[in-house]
Amino acid sequence: MLKKLVLAVVISCLILVPTVAFAEQLADKLAFGVQYTPQFYGFSLKYQLDPERIIQPIIYLSAQGDGSASQSSKKMLAIRALYDLNNSGPYASYFGWGVGLNALEEVVGGITKSDTKYGLQGFFGWENASAQSPLRLNFEIILGFIQEGDGDSYKAGFGLGLGAHYRF
């Protein structure tokens, strides 16, 4: 389990380090921050492909153990596509969709139990778009689905999403 966590951290660094290194070339196209939605949450990057389309990967990794035979790790990976509605003014509205997965692995007394759930969401949101502030806050209304129980059924519902991103 520790090897998988180290691999996930290395992969995340391989993605994030070159992105930050080329941040000057990506000026005003890249934002780094956190995103929370009922289905997906964690650190995220927003990259503006063109004036109307933005892609947003979200990554969350955690591991814990009590020093004995009990350990757990959680991974959440998602990708979201946002479509800007080309508003001018202090707020910009957008809509989009996202897909992702939550994976939980627990080891108790040498017995490993793992659970992976897949999710899907559609959303409509607003973001402050002030040119004077590099910090962008967003609020979203979401309709989402996530696997439940044995994986043959899904739980659906409305929710709210929040995010804060620093624009380079």
C-alpha atoms as a PDB file:
ATOM      1  CA  MET A   1       0.000   0.000   0.000  1.00  0.00           C
ATOM      2  CA  LEU A   2       2.849   2.385   0.816  1.00  0.00           C
ATOM      3  CA  LYS A   3       4.363   1.727  -2.633  1.00  0.00           C
ATOM      4  CA  LYS A   4       1.068   2.730  -4.281  1.00  0.00           C
ATOM      5  CA  LEU A   5       0.911   5.922  -2.248  1.00  0.00           C
ATOM      6  CA  VAL A   6       4.504   6.821  -3.133  1.00  0.00           C
ATOM      7  CA  LEU A   7       3.725   6.115  -6.797  1.00  0.00           C
ATOM      8  CA  ALA A   8       0.656   8.386  -6.635  1.00  0.00           C
ATOM      9  CA  VAL A   9       2.702  11.198  -5.068  1.00  0.00           C
ATOM     10  CA  VAL A  10       5.457  10.800  -7.701  1.00  0.00           C
ATOM     11  CA  ILE A  11       2.891  10.910 -10.532  1.00  0.00           C
ATOM     12  CA  SER A  12       1.280  14.018  -9.004  1.00  0.00           C
ATOM     13  CA  CYS A  13       4.700  15.706  -8.777  1.00  0.00           C
ATOM     14  CA  LEU A  14       5.503  14.762 -12.372  1.00  0.00           C
ATOM     15  CA  ILE A  15       2.309  16.541 -13.408  1.00  0.00           C
ATOM     16  CA  LEU A  16       2.511  19.557 -11.092  1.00  0.00           C
ATOM     17  CA  VAL A  17       6.227  20.443 -11.245  1.00  0.00           C
ATOM     18  CA  PRO A  18       6.412  20.986 -15.044  1.00  0.00           C
ATOM     19  CA  THR A  19       3.137  22.899 -14.899  1.00  0.00           C
ATOM     20  CA  VAL A  20       4.476  25.290 -12.273  1.00  0.00           C
ATOM     21  CA  ALA A  21       7.834  25.536 -14.095  1.00  0.00           C
ATOM     22  CA  PHE A  22       6.062  26.739 -17.242  1.00  0.00           C
ATOM     23  CA  ALA A  23       3.692  29.017 -15.310  1.00  0.00           C
ATOM     24  CA  GLU A  24       5.170  32.153 -16.896  1.00  0.00           C
ATOM     25  CA  GLN A  25       4.384  30.830 -20.369  1.00  0.00           C
ATOM     26  CA  LEU A  26       0.923  29.894 -19.135  1.00  0.00           C
ATOM     27  CA  ALA A  27       0.231  33.324 -17.639  1.00  0.00           C
ATOM     28  CA  ASP A  28      -3.487  33.975 -17.213  1.00  0.00           C
ATOM     29  CA  LYS A  29      -4.336  30.456 -18.452  1.00  0.00           C
ATOM     30  CA  LEU A  30      -3.507  28.478 -15.304  1.00  0.00           C
ATOM     31  CA  ALA A  31      -4.994  28.524 -11.803  1.00  0.00           C
ATOM     32  CA  PHE A  32      -4.095  26.329  -8.813  1.00  0.00           C
ATOM     33  CA  GLY A  33      -6.290  25.804  -5.766  1.00  0.00           C
ATOM     34  CA  VAL A  34      -8.839  23.613  -4.047  1.00  0.00           C
ATOM     35  CA  GLN A  35     -12.270  22.440  -5.149  1.00  0.00           C
ATOM     36  CA  TYR A  36     -14.999  20.800  -3.078  1.00  0.00           C
ATOM     37  CA  THR A  37     -18.098  19.138  -4.504  1.00  0.00           C
ATOM     38  CA  PRO A  38     -20.162  16.299  -3.006  1.00  0.00           C
ATOM     39  CA  GLN A  39     -18.613  13.805  -5.472  1.00  0.00           C
ATOM     40  CA  PHE A  40     -15.085  15.181  -5.994  1.00  0.00           C
ATOM     41  CA  TYR A  41     -12.767  17.275  -3.825  1.00  0.00           C
ATOM     42  CA  GLY A  42      -9.082  18.063  -3.436  1.00  0.00           C
ATOM     43  CA  PHE A  43      -6.300  20.097  -5.001  1.00  0.00           C
ATOM     44  CA  SER A  44      -7.062  21.216  -8.511  1.00  0.00           C
ATOM     45  CA  LEU A  45      -5.626  22.942 -11.546  1.00  0.00           C
ATOM     46  CA  LYS A  46      -7.735  24.938 -13.958  1.00  0.00           C
ATOM     47  CA  TYR A  47      -6.240  25.299 -17.417  1.00  0.00           C
ATOM     48  CA  GLN A  48      -7.923  27.482 -20.012  1.00  0.00           C
ATOM     49  CA  LEU A  49      -7.745  25.728 -23.382  1.00  0.00           C
ATOM     50  CA  ASP A  50      -9.366  28.644 -25.209  1.00  0.00           C
ATOM     51  CA  PRO A  51     -11.635  31.570 -24.222  1.00  0.00           C
ATOM     52  CA  GLU A  52     -14.639  29.261 -23.710  1.00  0.00           C
ATOM     53  CA  ARG A  53     -13.208  25.916 -22.519  1.00  0.00           C
ATOM     54  CA  ILE A  54     -11.417  25.073 -19.276  1.00  0.00           C
ATOM     55  CA  ILE A  55     -10.178  21.679 -18.113  1.00  0.00           C
ATOM     56  CA  GLN A  56      -9.883  20.945 -14.381  1.00  0.00           C
ATOM     57  CA  PRO A  57      -8.188  17.853 -12.906  1.00  0.00           C
ATOM     58  CA  ILE A  58      -8.803  17.302  -9.176  1.00  0.00           C
ATOM     59  CA  ILE A  59      -6.541  15.104  -7.001  1.00  0.00           C
ATOM     60  CA  TYR A  60      -6.885  14.054  -3.356  1.00  0.00           C
ATOM     61  CA  LEU A  61      -4.516  11.610  -1.628  1.00  0.00           C
ATOM     62  CA  SER A  62      -4.409  10.604   2.029  1.00  0.00           C
ATOM     63  CA  ALA A  63      -2.877   7.829   4.098  1.00  0.00           C
ATOM     64  CA  GLN A  64      -3.018   7.040   7.780  1.00  0.00           C
ATOM     65  CA  GLY A  65      -1.922   4.339  10.144  1.00  0.00           C
ATOM     66  CA  ASP A  66      -1.670   3.801  13.866  1.00  0.00           C
ATOM     67  CA  GLY A  67       1.773   2.203  13.824  1.00  0.00           C
ATOM     68  CA  SER A  68       0.376  -1.309  14.069  1.00  0.00           C
ATOM     69  CA  ALA A  69      -1.235  -3.497  11.440  1.00  0.00           C
ATOM     70  CA  SER A  70      -4.039  -0.973  10.756  1.00  0.00           C
ATOM     71  CA  GLN A  71      -3.572   1.344   7.749  1.00  0.00           C
ATOM     72  CA  SER A  72      -5.798   3.090   5.261  1.00  0.00           C
ATOM     73  CA  SER A  73      -5.368   5.174   2.125  1.00  0.00           C
ATOM     74  CA  LYS A  74      -7.810   7.190   0.070  1.00  0.00           C
ATOM     75  CA  LYS A  75      -7.370   8.434  -3.476  1.00  0.00           C
ATOM     76  CA  MET A  76      -9.740  10.641  -5.410  1.00  0.00           C
ATOM     77  CA  LEU A  77      -9.105  11.523  -9.054  1.00  0.00           C
ATOM     78  CA  ALA A  78     -11.481  13.490 -11.260  1.00  0.00           C
ATOM     79  CA  ILE A  79     -11.498  15.489 -14.461  1.00  0.00           C
ATOM     80  CA  ARG A  80     -13.974  18.274 -15.166  1.00  0.00           C
ATOM     81  CA  ALA A  81     -14.738  20.265 -18.323  1.00  0.00           C
ATOM     82  CA  LEU A  82     -16.006  23.828 -17.856  1.00  0.00           C
ATOM     83  CA  TYR A  83     -17.613  26.009 -20.525  1.00  0.00           C
ATOM     84  CA  ASP A  84     -17.453  29.761 -19.936  1.00  0.00           C
ATOM     85  CA  LEU A  85     -20.619  31.660 -20.901  1.00  0.00           C
ATOM     86  CA  ASN A  86     -18.558  34.735 -21.911  1.00  0.00           C
ATOM     87  CA  ASN A  87     -19.940  37.152 -19.366  1.00  0.00           C
ATOM     88  CA  SER A  88     -18.355  40.514 -18.792  1.00  0.00           C
ATOM     89  CA  GLY A  89     -18.371  42.152 -15.397  1.00  0.00           C
ATOM     90  CA  PRO A  90     -17.260  41.175 -11.911  1.00  0.00           C
ATOM     91  CA  TYR A  91     -18.697  37.623 -12.121  1.00  0.00           C
ATOM     92  CA  ALA A  92     -18.429  34.946 -14.793  1.00  0.00           C
ATOM     93  CA  SER A  93     -20.919  32.111 -15.122  1.00  0.00           C
ATOM     94  CA  TYR A  94     -20.112  28.680 -16.522  1.00  0.00           C
ATOM     95  CA  PHE A  95     -21.476  25.163 -16.825  1.00  0.00           C
ATOM     96  CA  GLY A  96     -19.832  21.783 -17.192  1.00  0.00           C
ATOM     97  CA  TRP A  97     -19.555  18.128 -16.287  1.00  0.00           C
ATOM     98  CA  GLY A  98     -17.083  15.876 -14.505  1.00  0.00           C
ATOM     99  CA  VAL A  99     -16.187  12.215 -14.049  1.00  0.00           C
ATOM    100  CA  GLY A 100     -14.014  10.617 -11.398  1.00  0.00           C
ATOM    101  CA  LEU A 101     -13.389   7.899  -8.862  1.00  0.00           C
ATOM    102  CA  ASN A 102     -12.871   7.483  -5.134  1.00  0.00           C
ATOM    103  CA  ALA A 103     -10.698   4.555  -4.034  1.00  0.00           C
ATOM    104  CA  LEU A 104     -10.389   3.492  -0.398  1.00  0.00           C
ATOM    105  CA  GLU A 105      -8.014   0.759   0.753  1.00  0.00           C
ATOM    106  CA  GLU A 106      -7.870  -0.478   4.344  1.00  0.00           C
ATOM    107  CA  VAL A 107      -5.530  -3.014   5.903  1.00  0.00           C
ATOM    108  CA  VAL A 108      -6.602  -4.364   9.305  1.00  0.00           C
ATOM    109  CA  GLY A 109      -4.754  -7.289  10.826  1.00  0.00           C
ATOM    110  CA  GLY A 110      -3.199  -8.232   7.497  1.00  0.00           C
ATOM    111  CA  ILE A 111      -6.565  -8.341   5.691  1.00  0.00           C
ATOM    112  CA  THR A 112      -6.916  -5.863   2.836  1.00  0.00           C
ATOM    113  CA  LYS A 113     -10.289  -4.420   1.912  1.00  0.00           C
ATOM    114  CA  SER A 114     -10.651  -2.069  -1.033  1.00  0.00           C
ATOM    115  CA  ASP A 115     -13.591  -0.127  -2.392  1.00  0.00           C
ATOM    116  CA  THR A 116     -13.722   1.973  -5.577  1.00  0.00           C
ATOM    117  CA  LYS A 117     -16.694   4.178  -6.439  1.00  0.00           C
ATOM    118  CA  TYR A 118     -17.224   6.051  -9.692  1.00  0.00           C
ATOM    119  CA  GLY A 119     -19.051   9.350  -9.989  1.00  0.00           C
ATOM    120  CA  LEU A 120     -20.489  11.742 -12.553  1.00  0.00           C
ATOM    121  CA  GLN A 121     -21.698  15.328 -12.188  1.00  0.00           C
ATOM    122  CA  GLY A 122     -23.162  18.221 -14.123  1.00  0.00           C
ATOM    123  CA  PHE A 123     -22.981  21.746 -12.723  1.00  0.00           C
ATOM    124  CA  PHE A 124     -23.673  25.438 -13.199  1.00  0.00           C
ATOM    125  CA  GLY A 125     -21.399  27.926 -11.425  1.00  0.00           C
ATOM    126  CA  TRP A 126     -20.295  31.484 -10.846  1.00  0.00           C
ATOM    127  CA  GLU A 127     -16.764  32.782 -10.311  1.00  0.00           C
ATOM    128  CA  ASN A 128     -15.545  36.246  -9.376  1.00  0.00           C
ATOM    129  CA  ALA A 129     -13.755  37.533 -12.458  1.00  0.00           C
ATOM    130  CA  SER A 130     -12.135  40.711 -11.182  1.00  0.00           C
ATOM    131  CA  ALA A 131      -9.000  41.536 -13.171  1.00  0.00           C
ATOM    132  CA  GLN A 132      -7.484  43.189 -10.063  1.00  0.00           C
ATOM    133  CA  SER A 133      -7.510  40.013  -7.948  1.00  0.00           C
ATOM    134  CA  PRO A 134      -5.618  36.823  -8.869  1.00  0.00           C
ATOM    135  CA  LEU A 135      -7.694  34.872  -6.281  1.00  0.00           C
ATOM    136  CA  ARG A 136     -10.830  33.426  -7.859  1.00  0.00           C
ATOM    137  CA  LEU A 137     -13.658  32.100  -5.687  1.00  0.00           C
ATOM    138  CA  ASN A 138     -16.395  29.961  -7.202  1.00  0.00           C
ATOM    139  CA  PHE A 139     -19.819  28.668  -6.176  1.00  0.00           C
ATOM    140  CA  GLU A 140     -21.635  25.834  -7.992  1.00  0.00           C
ATOM    141  CA  ILE A 141     -25.011  24.111  -8.063  1.00  0.00           C
ATOM    142  CA  ILE A 142     -24.464  20.436  -8.875  1.00  0.00           C
ATOM    143  CA  LEU A 143     -26.486  17.410  -9.930  1.00  0.00           C
ATOM    144  CA  GLY A 144     -24.302  14.401  -9.204  1.00  0.00           C
ATOM    145  CA  PHE A 145     -24.303  10.612  -9.204  1.00  0.00           C
ATOM    146  CA  ILE A 146     -21.999   8.296  -7.263  1.00  0.00           C
ATOM    147  CA  GLN A 147     -21.886   4.508  -6.959  1.00  0.00           C
ATOM    148  CA  GLU A 148     -23.411   3.039  -3.855  1.00  0.00           C
ATOM    149  CA  GLY A 149     -23.203  -0.303  -2.079  1.00  0.00           C
ATOM    150  CA  ASP A 150     -22.234  -3.195  -4.352  1.00  0.00           C
ATOM    151  CA  GLY A 151     -21.589  -0.947  -7.355  1.00  0.00           C
ATOM    152  CA  ASP A 152     -24.772  -1.821  -9.230  1.00  0.00           C
ATOM    153  CA  SER A 153     -26.706   1.196  -7.944  1.00  0.00           C
ATOM    154  CA  TYR A 154     -26.087   4.927  -7.906  1.00  0.00           C
ATOM    155  CA  LYS A 155     -27.040   7.640  -5.467  1.00  0.00           C
ATOM    156  CA  ALA A 156     -28.155  10.865  -7.144  1.00  0.00           C
ATOM    157  CA  GLY A 157     -28.764  14.289  -5.706  1.00  0.00           C
ATOM    158  CA  PHE A 158     -28.282  18.019  -5.830  1.00  0.00           C
ATOM    159  CA  GLY A 159     -25.426  19.675  -3.988  1.00  0.00           C
ATOM    160  CA  LEU A 160     -23.299  22.781  -3.686  1.00  0.00           C
ATOM    161  CA  GLY A 161     -19.686  23.184  -4.690  1.00  0.00           C
ATOM    162  CA  LEU A 162     -17.075  25.689  -3.554  1.00  0.00           C
ATOM    163  CA  GLY A 163     -13.610  26.474  -4.807  1.00  0.00           C
ATOM    164  CA  ALA A 164     -10.719  28.901  -4.467  1.00  0.00           C
ATOM    165  CA  HIS A 165      -8.006  29.160  -7.123  1.00  0.00           C
ATOM    166  CA  TYR A 166      -4.991  31.427  -7.559  1.00  0.00           C
ATOM    167  CA  ARG A 167      -4.556  32.543 -11.148  1.00  0.00           C
ATOM    168  CA  PHE A 168      -0.927  32.788 -12.306  1.00  0.00           C
END
